[in-house]
Amino acid sequence: MSQETLWDRFLKPVFSTFLLNQEELKKTQAAIDWERDCQKLQDPAIKYPDYYTSKNFHGITGGYLNASAAVTYDPITQYVLPPNETWVRKALVDSIGGYPKKILDLGCGTGTTTLLLKKAFPNSQVMGIDLSPYMLAMAQYKAKKAGLVIDWRQGLAEKTTLAASSMDVVTISLLFHELPTNIAKLVLMEAYRLLVPGGQILILDGNQKTLHKSEWLNTIFEEPYIQEYAKGNLDAWLGLAKFEAVRTEDLWVIHQISQARKPLTVTEVLPNWAYGLT
């Protein structure tokens, strides 16, 4: 195990040989002008943090900063979100209350949840932020195919350049198990800053209780921070970020959905200039 993960030794060959349609992957990769699209989506001011660039995710060498990661992410994810990826993601979308005007999907990846949000709330302004321009290029490609208008932006989930109190809903799907705990807490603080008073945050991720009891699951995929995530408590993290009405519900045993609201009366929010924003 010090040399290879279980993913490298067993699962990667199975996925590559039997579960992934290699011809379809090649067609998808060829359909996107990666250099052009990534250049348009990339923010030159962004500096990639060490926790992101120094690790492999999902057994992919180099993490998410390559076209291969973006093309293979969806085909692989459908097998690791049982019983059905759409059902799991839609459970988060269905938990949104009311009719939000502005929705932000933080750490949107290839935009699967983001697209579901736009379909569920066609009159809302929906934005997806991710650190990888390759994942955003894939998300943009999927949105165009679906005829959906979504604002895609490159950015750090823990430090966006968006104005305070500018979002009605913030969603975060399958991000926290890929973050160190200290960064995850910063992401929640940033979400709090971005939400309007009374705004809602919803988080879909692996079930922390299940993962904590099943340490062997954490070694299957190359997820450098998943054991740290499994030992944590999202409810407690949300409380530390000053959210209220915090609750987490199990979903199909191996997933969980956490949700909370920013208090209606907020006096401690700093003005935009305090964050270096205009």
C-alpha atoms as a PDB file:
ATOM      1  CA  MET A   1       0.000   0.000   0.000  1.00  0.00           C
ATOM      2  CA  SER A   2       2.976   2.324   0.421  1.00  0.00           C
ATOM      3  CA  GLN A   3       3.677   1.907  -3.284  1.00  0.00           C
ATOM      4  CA  GLU A   4       0.204   1.643  -4.804  1.00  0.00           C
ATOM      5  CA  THR A   5      -3.328   2.393  -3.706  1.00  0.00           C
ATOM      6  CA  LEU A   6      -6.085  -0.183  -4.089  1.00  0.00           C
ATOM      7  CA  TRP A   7      -7.314   2.028  -6.916  1.00  0.00           C
ATOM      8  CA  ASP A   8      -4.040   1.595  -8.793  1.00  0.00           C
ATOM      9  CA  ARG A   9      -3.812  -2.136  -8.195  1.00  0.00           C
ATOM     10  CA  PHE A  10      -7.377  -3.283  -8.760  1.00  0.00           C
ATOM     11  CA  LEU A  11     -10.056  -0.734  -9.610  1.00  0.00           C
ATOM     12  CA  LYS A  12      -8.280   1.356 -12.230  1.00  0.00           C
ATOM     13  CA  PRO A  13      -7.772  -1.638 -14.564  1.00  0.00           C
ATOM     14  CA  VAL A  14     -11.425  -2.659 -14.093  1.00  0.00           C
ATOM     15  CA  PHE A  15     -12.698   0.829 -14.909  1.00  0.00           C
ATOM     16  CA  SER A  16     -10.364   1.185 -17.865  1.00  0.00           C
ATOM     17  CA  THR A  17     -11.199  -2.208 -19.335  1.00  0.00           C
ATOM     18  CA  PHE A  18     -14.860  -2.804 -18.573  1.00  0.00           C
ATOM     19  CA  LEU A  19     -16.685   0.244 -17.202  1.00  0.00           C
ATOM     20  CA  LEU A  20     -15.444   3.140 -19.316  1.00  0.00           C
ATOM     21  CA  ASN A  21     -16.356   3.512 -22.967  1.00  0.00           C
ATOM     22  CA  GLN A  22     -12.968   4.518 -24.329  1.00  0.00           C
ATOM     23  CA  GLU A  23     -14.347   5.534 -27.737  1.00  0.00           C
ATOM     24  CA  GLU A  24     -16.900   7.861 -26.146  1.00  0.00           C
ATOM     25  CA  LEU A  25     -14.200   9.376 -23.965  1.00  0.00           C
ATOM     26  CA  LYS A  26     -12.057  10.066 -27.024  1.00  0.00           C
ATOM     27  CA  LYS A  27     -14.994  11.692 -28.831  1.00  0.00           C
ATOM     28  CA  THR A  28     -15.774  13.918 -25.868  1.00  0.00           C
ATOM     29  CA  GLN A  29     -12.156  14.954 -25.443  1.00  0.00           C
ATOM     30  CA  ALA A  30     -11.903  15.788 -29.163  1.00  0.00           C
ATOM     31  CA  ALA A  31     -15.144  17.815 -29.087  1.00  0.00           C
ATOM     32  CA  ILE A  32     -13.680  20.446 -26.758  1.00  0.00           C
ATOM     33  CA  ASP A  33     -11.019  22.982 -27.665  1.00  0.00           C
ATOM     34  CA  TRP A  34      -9.250  22.689 -24.324  1.00  0.00           C
ATOM     35  CA  GLU A  35      -6.601  25.326 -24.893  1.00  0.00           C
ATOM     36  CA  ARG A  36      -9.083  27.942 -26.076  1.00  0.00           C
ATOM     37  CA  ASP A  37     -11.787  27.231 -23.497  1.00  0.00           C
ATOM     38  CA  CYS A  38      -9.420  26.933 -20.548  1.00  0.00           C
ATOM     39  CA  GLN A  39      -7.737  30.183 -21.507  1.00  0.00           C
ATOM     40  CA  LYS A  40     -11.105  31.961 -21.568  1.00  0.00           C
ATOM     41  CA  LEU A  41     -12.184  30.489 -18.252  1.00  0.00           C
ATOM     42  CA  GLN A  42      -8.888  30.891 -16.428  1.00  0.00           C
ATOM     43  CA  ASP A  43      -8.335  33.724 -13.985  1.00  0.00           C
ATOM     44  CA  PRO A  44      -4.659  34.738 -14.269  1.00  0.00           C
ATOM     45  CA  ALA A  45      -4.728  36.152 -10.735  1.00  0.00           C
ATOM     46  CA  ILE A  46      -5.385  32.750  -9.181  1.00  0.00           C
ATOM     47  CA  LYS A  47      -2.556  30.882  -7.507  1.00  0.00           C
ATOM     48  CA  TYR A  48      -3.173  27.180  -6.997  1.00  0.00           C
ATOM     49  CA  PRO A  49      -2.808  26.185  -3.330  1.00  0.00           C
ATOM     50  CA  ASP A  50      -0.457  23.423  -2.277  1.00  0.00           C
ATOM     51  CA  TYR A  51      -3.265  21.198  -0.945  1.00  0.00           C
ATOM     52  CA  TYR A  52      -4.663  21.126  -4.490  1.00  0.00           C
ATOM     53  CA  THR A  53      -1.542  20.700  -6.608  1.00  0.00           C
ATOM     54  CA  SER A  54       0.531  18.375  -4.443  1.00  0.00           C
ATOM     55  CA  LYS A  55      -2.012  15.538  -4.301  1.00  0.00           C
ATOM     56  CA  ASN A  56      -3.679  13.105  -6.672  1.00  0.00           C
ATOM     57  CA  PHE A  57      -7.472  12.827  -6.591  1.00  0.00           C
ATOM     58  CA  HIS A  58      -9.439   9.767  -7.723  1.00  0.00           C
ATOM     59  CA  GLY A  59      -6.165   8.119  -8.657  1.00  0.00           C
ATOM     60  CA  ILE A  60      -5.527  10.717 -11.354  1.00  0.00           C
ATOM     61  CA  THR A  61      -1.911  11.833 -11.563  1.00  0.00           C
ATOM     62  CA  GLY A  62      -1.740  15.611 -11.418  1.00  0.00           C
ATOM     63  CA  GLY A  63      -5.145  15.993  -9.816  1.00  0.00           C
ATOM     64  CA  TYR A  64      -7.821  17.901 -11.729  1.00  0.00           C
ATOM     65  CA  LEU A  65      -5.569  20.188 -13.752  1.00  0.00           C
ATOM     66  CA  ASN A  66      -5.740  18.189 -16.984  1.00  0.00           C
ATOM     67  CA  ALA A  67      -8.263  17.276 -19.677  1.00  0.00           C
ATOM     68  CA  SER A  68      -8.189  13.575 -18.824  1.00  0.00           C
ATOM     69  CA  ALA A  69      -9.497  14.269 -15.325  1.00  0.00           C
ATOM     70  CA  ALA A  70     -12.366  16.344 -16.713  1.00  0.00           C
ATOM     71  CA  VAL A  71     -13.358  13.755 -19.314  1.00  0.00           C
ATOM     72  CA  THR A  72     -13.253  10.729 -17.007  1.00  0.00           C
ATOM     73  CA  TYR A  73     -14.807  12.337 -13.923  1.00  0.00           C
ATOM     74  CA  ASP A  74     -18.464  11.833 -14.903  1.00  0.00           C
ATOM     75  CA  PRO A  75     -18.154   8.221 -16.142  1.00  0.00           C
ATOM     76  CA  ILE A  76     -16.374   7.222 -12.928  1.00  0.00           C
ATOM     77  CA  THR A  77     -18.610   9.193 -10.562  1.00  0.00           C
ATOM     78  CA  GLN A  78     -21.764   7.442 -11.762  1.00  0.00           C
ATOM     79  CA  TYR A  79     -20.400   4.216 -10.259  1.00  0.00           C
ATOM     80  CA  VAL A  80     -19.359   5.670  -6.908  1.00  0.00           C
ATOM     81  CA  LEU A  81     -22.680   7.408  -6.107  1.00  0.00           C
ATOM     82  CA  PRO A  82     -25.046   4.456  -5.660  1.00  0.00           C
ATOM     83  CA  PRO A  83     -27.839   3.689  -6.083  1.00  0.00           C
ATOM     84  CA  ASN A  84     -28.130   6.346  -8.820  1.00  0.00           C
ATOM     85  CA  GLU A  85     -26.066   9.498  -9.258  1.00  0.00           C
ATOM     86  CA  THR A  86     -28.985  11.633 -10.466  1.00  0.00           C
ATOM     87  CA  TRP A  87     -31.164  10.580  -7.514  1.00  0.00           C
ATOM     88  CA  VAL A  88     -28.381  11.423  -5.071  1.00  0.00           C
ATOM     89  CA  ARG A  89     -27.642  14.847  -6.542  1.00  0.00           C
ATOM     90  CA  LYS A  90     -31.332  15.652  -7.015  1.00  0.00           C
ATOM     91  CA  ALA A  91     -31.941  15.018  -3.316  1.00  0.00           C
ATOM     92  CA  LEU A  92     -29.799  18.076  -2.611  1.00  0.00           C
ATOM     93  CA  VAL A  93     -31.622  20.183  -5.208  1.00  0.00           C
ATOM     94  CA  ASP A  94     -35.021  19.104  -3.869  1.00  0.00           C
ATOM     95  CA  SER A  95     -34.009  20.274  -0.373  1.00  0.00           C
ATOM     96  CA  ILE A  96     -33.827  23.921  -1.477  1.00  0.00           C
ATOM     97  CA  GLY A  97     -36.634  25.978   0.002  1.00  0.00           C
ATOM     98  CA  GLY A  98     -38.533  28.705  -1.847  1.00  0.00           C
ATOM     99  CA  TYR A  99     -37.560  30.260  -5.176  1.00  0.00           C
ATOM    100  CA  PRO A 100     -34.045  31.675  -4.936  1.00  0.00           C
ATOM    101  CA  LYS A 101     -32.995  34.389  -7.367  1.00  0.00           C
ATOM    102  CA  LYS A 102     -29.266  33.657  -7.193  1.00  0.00           C
ATOM    103  CA  ILE A 103     -27.689  30.232  -6.671  1.00  0.00           C
ATOM    104  CA  LEU A 104     -23.979  29.503  -6.357  1.00  0.00           C
ATOM    105  CA  ASP A 105     -22.574  25.991  -6.784  1.00  0.00           C
ATOM    106  CA  LEU A 106     -19.177  26.064  -5.060  1.00  0.00           C
ATOM    107  CA  GLY A 107     -16.605  23.541  -6.248  1.00  0.00           C
ATOM    108  CA  CYS A 108     -18.923  22.690  -9.128  1.00  0.00           C
ATOM    109  CA  GLY A 109     -16.521  20.353 -10.943  1.00  0.00           C
ATOM    110  CA  THR A 110     -17.973  19.269 -14.291  1.00  0.00           C
ATOM    111  CA  GLY A 111     -21.261  20.958 -13.407  1.00  0.00           C
ATOM    112  CA  THR A 112     -23.567  17.961 -12.976  1.00  0.00           C
ATOM    113  CA  THR A 113     -25.285  19.419  -9.905  1.00  0.00           C
ATOM    114  CA  THR A 114     -25.123  22.916 -11.398  1.00  0.00           C
ATOM    115  CA  LEU A 115     -27.122  21.789 -14.430  1.00  0.00           C
ATOM    116  CA  LEU A 116     -29.726  20.164 -12.188  1.00  0.00           C
ATOM    117  CA  LEU A 117     -30.022  23.444 -10.261  1.00  0.00           C
ATOM    118  CA  LYS A 118     -30.661  25.428 -13.441  1.00  0.00           C
ATOM    119  CA  LYS A 119     -33.246  22.913 -14.635  1.00  0.00           C
ATOM    120  CA  ALA A 120     -35.040  23.033 -11.277  1.00  0.00           C
ATOM    121  CA  PHE A 121     -34.912  26.845 -11.095  1.00  0.00           C
ATOM    122  CA  PRO A 122     -34.912  28.062 -14.724  1.00  0.00           C
ATOM    123  CA  ASN A 123     -35.598  31.672 -13.741  1.00  0.00           C
ATOM    124  CA  SER A 124     -32.735  31.833 -11.253  1.00  0.00           C
ATOM    125  CA  GLN A 125     -29.240  33.110 -11.956  1.00  0.00           C
ATOM    126  CA  VAL A 126     -27.016  30.072 -11.460  1.00  0.00           C
ATOM    127  CA  MET A 127     -23.234  30.281 -11.130  1.00  0.00           C
ATOM    128  CA  GLY A 128     -20.652  27.514 -10.865  1.00  0.00           C
ATOM    129  CA  ILE A 129     -17.197  28.109  -9.395  1.00  0.00           C
ATOM    130  CA  ASP A 130     -14.320  25.636  -9.562  1.00  0.00           C
ATOM    131  CA  LEU A 131     -10.547  25.797  -9.301  1.00  0.00           C
ATOM    132  CA  SER A 132      -9.860  23.688 -12.394  1.00  0.00           C
ATOM    133  CA  PRO A 133     -10.346  25.374 -15.789  1.00  0.00           C
ATOM    134  CA  TYR A 134     -10.499  21.883 -17.331  1.00  0.00           C
ATOM    135  CA  MET A 135     -13.452  20.881 -15.178  1.00  0.00           C
ATOM    136  CA  LEU A 136     -15.114  24.193 -16.029  1.00  0.00           C
ATOM    137  CA  ALA A 137     -14.524  23.627 -19.751  1.00  0.00           C
ATOM    138  CA  MET A 138     -16.297  20.285 -19.421  1.00  0.00           C
ATOM    139  CA  ALA A 139     -19.129  21.886 -17.456  1.00  0.00           C
ATOM    140  CA  GLN A 140     -19.501  24.590 -20.099  1.00  0.00           C
ATOM    141  CA  TYR A 141     -19.614  21.959 -22.846  1.00  0.00           C
ATOM    142  CA  LYS A 142     -22.384  20.057 -21.021  1.00  0.00           C
ATOM    143  CA  ALA A 143     -24.404  23.229 -20.407  1.00  0.00           C
ATOM    144  CA  LYS A 144     -24.243  24.223 -24.078  1.00  0.00           C
ATOM    145  CA  LYS A 145     -25.393  20.760 -25.128  1.00  0.00           C
ATOM    146  CA  ALA A 146     -28.322  21.058 -22.701  1.00  0.00           C
ATOM    147  CA  GLY A 147     -29.182  24.601 -23.855  1.00  0.00           C
ATOM    148  CA  LEU A 148     -28.671  26.042 -20.366  1.00  0.00           C
ATOM    149  CA  VAL A 149     -27.218  29.469 -19.559  1.00  0.00           C
ATOM    150  CA  ILE A 150     -24.932  29.235 -16.534  1.00  0.00           C
ATOM    151  CA  ASP A 151     -22.182  31.576 -15.367  1.00  0.00           C
ATOM    152  CA  TRP A 152     -18.951  29.549 -15.034  1.00  0.00           C
ATOM    153  CA  ARG A 153     -16.013  31.062 -13.166  1.00  0.00           C
ATOM    154  CA  GLN A 154     -12.648  29.894 -11.940  1.00  0.00           C
ATOM    155  CA  GLY A 155     -12.069  30.551  -8.259  1.00  0.00           C
ATOM    156  CA  LEU A 156     -11.103  29.302  -4.834  1.00  0.00           C
ATOM    157  CA  ALA A 157     -14.078  28.049  -2.856  1.00  0.00           C
ATOM    158  CA  GLU A 158     -12.528  29.435   0.327  1.00  0.00           C
ATOM    159  CA  LYS A 159     -11.879  32.884  -1.148  1.00  0.00           C
ATOM    160  CA  THR A 160     -14.094  33.948  -4.018  1.00  0.00           C
ATOM    161  CA  THR A 161     -14.097  37.449  -5.443  1.00  0.00           C
ATOM    162  CA  LEU A 162     -17.885  37.746  -5.154  1.00  0.00           C
ATOM    163  CA  ALA A 163     -19.612  40.429  -3.126  1.00  0.00           C
ATOM    164  CA  ALA A 164     -20.876  39.747   0.382  1.00  0.00           C
ATOM    165  CA  SER A 165     -24.584  38.936   0.810  1.00  0.00           C
ATOM    166  CA  SER A 166     -24.990  38.340  -2.928  1.00  0.00           C
ATOM    167  CA  MET A 167     -26.401  34.792  -3.008  1.00  0.00           C
ATOM    168  CA  ASP A 168     -29.706  33.300  -1.868  1.00  0.00           C
ATOM    169  CA  VAL A 169     -28.465  29.704  -1.951  1.00  0.00           C
ATOM    170  CA  VAL A 170     -25.002  28.131  -1.873  1.00  0.00           C
ATOM    171  CA  THR A 171     -24.628  24.441  -2.739  1.00  0.00           C
ATOM    172  CA  ILE A 172     -21.516  22.295  -2.325  1.00  0.00           C
ATOM    173  CA  SER A 173     -21.402  18.765  -3.760  1.00  0.00           C
ATOM    174  CA  LEU A 174     -18.666  16.181  -3.152  1.00  0.00           C
ATOM    175  CA  LEU A 175     -16.064  18.792  -2.224  1.00  0.00           C
ATOM    176  CA  PHE A 176     -15.403  18.495   1.494  1.00  0.00           C
ATOM    177  CA  HIS A 177     -13.919  15.000   1.394  1.00  0.00           C
ATOM    178  CA  GLU A 178     -11.284  16.463  -0.946  1.00  0.00           C
ATOM    179  CA  LEU A 179     -10.264  19.284   1.397  1.00  0.00           C
ATOM    180  CA  PRO A 180      -8.136  19.530   4.535  1.00  0.00           C
ATOM    181  CA  THR A 181     -10.337  20.343   7.529  1.00  0.00           C
ATOM    182  CA  ASN A 182      -8.905  23.838   7.968  1.00  0.00           C
ATOM    183  CA  ILE A 183      -9.771  24.699   4.344  1.00  0.00           C
ATOM    184  CA  ALA A 184     -13.252  23.170   4.645  1.00  0.00           C
ATOM    185  CA  LYS A 185     -13.952  25.484   7.573  1.00  0.00           C
ATOM    186  CA  LEU A 186     -12.778  28.470   5.526  1.00  0.00           C
ATOM    187  CA  VAL A 187     -15.129  27.445   2.705  1.00  0.00           C
ATOM    188  CA  LEU A 188     -18.061  27.486   5.136  1.00  0.00           C
ATOM    189  CA  MET A 189     -17.037  30.936   6.384  1.00  0.00           C
ATOM    190  CA  GLU A 190     -16.901  32.158   2.786  1.00  0.00           C
ATOM    191  CA  ALA A 191     -20.334  30.677   2.055  1.00  0.00           C
ATOM    192  CA  TYR A 192     -21.681  32.465   5.115  1.00  0.00           C
ATOM    193  CA  ARG A 193     -20.226  35.751   3.851  1.00  0.00           C
ATOM    194  CA  LEU A 194     -21.734  35.269   0.396  1.00  0.00           C
ATOM    195  CA  LEU A 195     -25.265  34.439   1.547  1.00  0.00           C
ATOM    196  CA  VAL A 196     -27.948  37.011   2.178  1.00  0.00           C
ATOM    197  CA  PRO A 197     -29.428  36.976   5.711  1.00  0.00           C
ATOM    198  CA  GLY A 198     -31.766  33.987   5.774  1.00  0.00           C
ATOM    199  CA  GLY A 199     -29.919  32.391   2.851  1.00  0.00           C
ATOM    200  CA  GLN A 200     -29.534  28.625   2.679  1.00  0.00           C
ATOM    201  CA  ILE A 201     -26.466  26.393   2.370  1.00  0.00           C
ATOM    202  CA  LEU A 202     -26.746  22.749   1.278  1.00  0.00           C
ATOM    203  CA  ILE A 203     -23.897  20.236   1.238  1.00  0.00           C
ATOM    204  CA  LEU A 204     -23.851  16.773  -0.350  1.00  0.00           C
ATOM    205  CA  ASP A 205     -20.978  14.468   0.496  1.00  0.00           C
ATOM    206  CA  GLY A 206     -19.984  11.082   1.863  1.00  0.00           C
ATOM    207  CA  ASN A 207     -21.592  10.025   5.123  1.00  0.00           C
ATOM    208  CA  GLN A 208     -19.045  10.888   7.805  1.00  0.00           C
ATOM    209  CA  LYS A 209     -20.372   8.276  10.241  1.00  0.00           C
ATOM    210  CA  THR A 210     -20.201   5.492   7.657  1.00  0.00           C
ATOM    211  CA  LEU A 211     -16.753   6.493   6.447  1.00  0.00           C
ATOM    212  CA  HIS A 212     -15.439   6.740   9.997  1.00  0.00           C
ATOM    213  CA  LYS A 213     -16.623   3.206  10.780  1.00  0.00           C
ATOM    214  CA  SER A 214     -15.347   1.781   7.473  1.00  0.00           C
ATOM    215  CA  GLU A 215     -11.752   2.892   7.215  1.00  0.00           C
ATOM    216  CA  TRP A 216     -11.100   0.350   4.458  1.00  0.00           C
ATOM    217  CA  LEU A 217     -13.435   2.323   2.175  1.00  0.00           C
ATOM    218  CA  ASN A 218     -11.135   5.305   2.495  1.00  0.00           C
ATOM    219  CA  THR A 219      -8.226   3.428   0.934  1.00  0.00           C
ATOM    220  CA  ILE A 220     -10.039   2.279  -2.191  1.00  0.00           C
ATOM    221  CA  PHE A 221      -9.803   5.582  -4.024  1.00  0.00           C
ATOM    222  CA  GLU A 222      -6.835   7.869  -3.851  1.00  0.00           C
ATOM    223  CA  GLU A 223      -8.430  10.578  -1.716  1.00  0.00           C
ATOM    224  CA  PRO A 224      -5.721  12.271   0.352  1.00  0.00           C
ATOM    225  CA  TYR A 225      -8.045  14.022   2.807  1.00  0.00           C
ATOM    226  CA  ILE A 226     -10.970  11.616   3.127  1.00  0.00           C
ATOM    227  CA  GLN A 227      -9.884  10.108   6.451  1.00  0.00           C
ATOM    228  CA  GLU A 228      -9.552  13.601   7.882  1.00  0.00           C
ATOM    229  CA  TYR A 229     -13.059  14.379   6.601  1.00  0.00           C
ATOM    230  CA  ALA A 230     -14.456  11.124   8.029  1.00  0.00           C
ATOM    231  CA  LYS A 231     -13.257  12.022  11.519  1.00  0.00           C
ATOM    232  CA  GLY A 232     -14.914  15.437  11.370  1.00  0.00           C
ATOM    233  CA  ASN A 233     -18.459  16.690  11.909  1.00  0.00           C
ATOM    234  CA  LEU A 234     -20.065  18.979   9.339  1.00  0.00           C
ATOM    235  CA  ASP A 235     -22.767  20.068  11.782  1.00  0.00           C
ATOM    236  CA  ALA A 236     -20.096  21.314  14.164  1.00  0.00           C
ATOM    237  CA  TRP A 237     -18.220  23.049  11.354  1.00  0.00           C
ATOM    238  CA  LEU A 238     -21.415  24.808  10.232  1.00  0.00           C
ATOM    239  CA  GLY A 239     -22.043  25.917  13.798  1.00  0.00           C
ATOM    240  CA  LEU A 240     -18.544  27.345  14.057  1.00  0.00           C
ATOM    241  CA  ALA A 241     -19.212  29.299  10.868  1.00  0.00           C
ATOM    242  CA  LYS A 242     -22.236  30.862  12.688  1.00  0.00           C
ATOM    243  CA  PHE A 243     -24.939  29.113  10.660  1.00  0.00           C
ATOM    244  CA  GLU A 244     -28.203  28.234  12.393  1.00  0.00           C
ATOM    245  CA  ALA A 245     -30.935  25.599  11.892  1.00  0.00           C
ATOM    246  CA  VAL A 246     -28.127  23.121  11.179  1.00  0.00           C
ATOM    247  CA  ARG A 247     -29.055  19.542  10.402  1.00  0.00           C
ATOM    248  CA  THR A 248     -27.596  16.561   8.568  1.00  0.00           C
ATOM    249  CA  GLU A 249     -29.611  13.659   7.199  1.00  0.00           C
ATOM    250  CA  ASP A 250     -28.364  10.297   5.966  1.00  0.00           C
ATOM    251  CA  LEU A 251     -28.978   9.517   2.305  1.00  0.00           C
ATOM    252  CA  TRP A 252     -28.750   5.910   1.162  1.00  0.00           C
ATOM    253  CA  VAL A 253     -26.495   5.189   4.177  1.00  0.00           C
ATOM    254  CA  ILE A 254     -23.262   6.163   2.408  1.00  0.00           C
ATOM    255  CA  HIS A 255     -24.166   9.778   1.601  1.00  0.00           C
ATOM    256  CA  GLN A 256     -25.365  12.699   3.688  1.00  0.00           C
ATOM    257  CA  ILE A 257     -27.004  16.057   3.054  1.00  0.00           C
ATOM    258  CA  SER A 258     -26.253  18.880   5.463  1.00  0.00           C
ATOM    259  CA  GLN A 259     -28.161  22.133   5.423  1.00  0.00           C
ATOM    260  CA  ALA A 260     -28.315  25.338   7.407  1.00  0.00           C
ATOM    261  CA  ARG A 261     -29.287  28.991   7.162  1.00  0.00           C
ATOM    262  CA  LYS A 262     -27.578  32.285   7.744  1.00  0.00           C
ATOM    263  CA  PRO A 263     -29.391  34.142  10.544  1.00  0.00           C
ATOM    264  CA  LEU A 264     -31.918  36.744   9.456  1.00  0.00           C
ATOM    265  CA  THR A 265     -30.346  39.304  11.754  1.00  0.00           C
ATOM    266  CA  VAL A 266     -26.656  39.618  11.036  1.00  0.00           C
ATOM    267  CA  THR A 267     -24.573  42.444  12.455  1.00  0.00           C
ATOM    268  CA  GLU A 268     -21.063  41.066  12.138  1.00  0.00           C
ATOM    269  CA  VAL A 269     -20.824  40.975   8.330  1.00  0.00           C
ATOM    270  CA  LEU A 270     -18.039  43.268   7.147  1.00  0.00           C
ATOM    271  CA  PRO A 271     -18.452  45.528   4.101  1.00  0.00           C
ATOM    272  CA  ASN A 272     -17.038  44.418   0.754  1.00  0.00           C
ATOM    273  CA  TRP A 273     -13.991  46.700   1.038  1.00  0.00           C
ATOM    274  CA  ALA A 274     -12.863  44.752   4.096  1.00  0.00           C
ATOM    275  CA  TYR A 275     -12.379  41.713   1.871  1.00  0.00           C
ATOM    276  CA  GLY A 276     -10.556  43.657  -0.831  1.00  0.00           C
ATOM    277  CA  LEU A 277     -13.682  43.756  -3.012  1.00  0.00           C
ATOM    278  CA  THR A 278     -15.418  46.685  -4.681  1.00  0.00           C
END
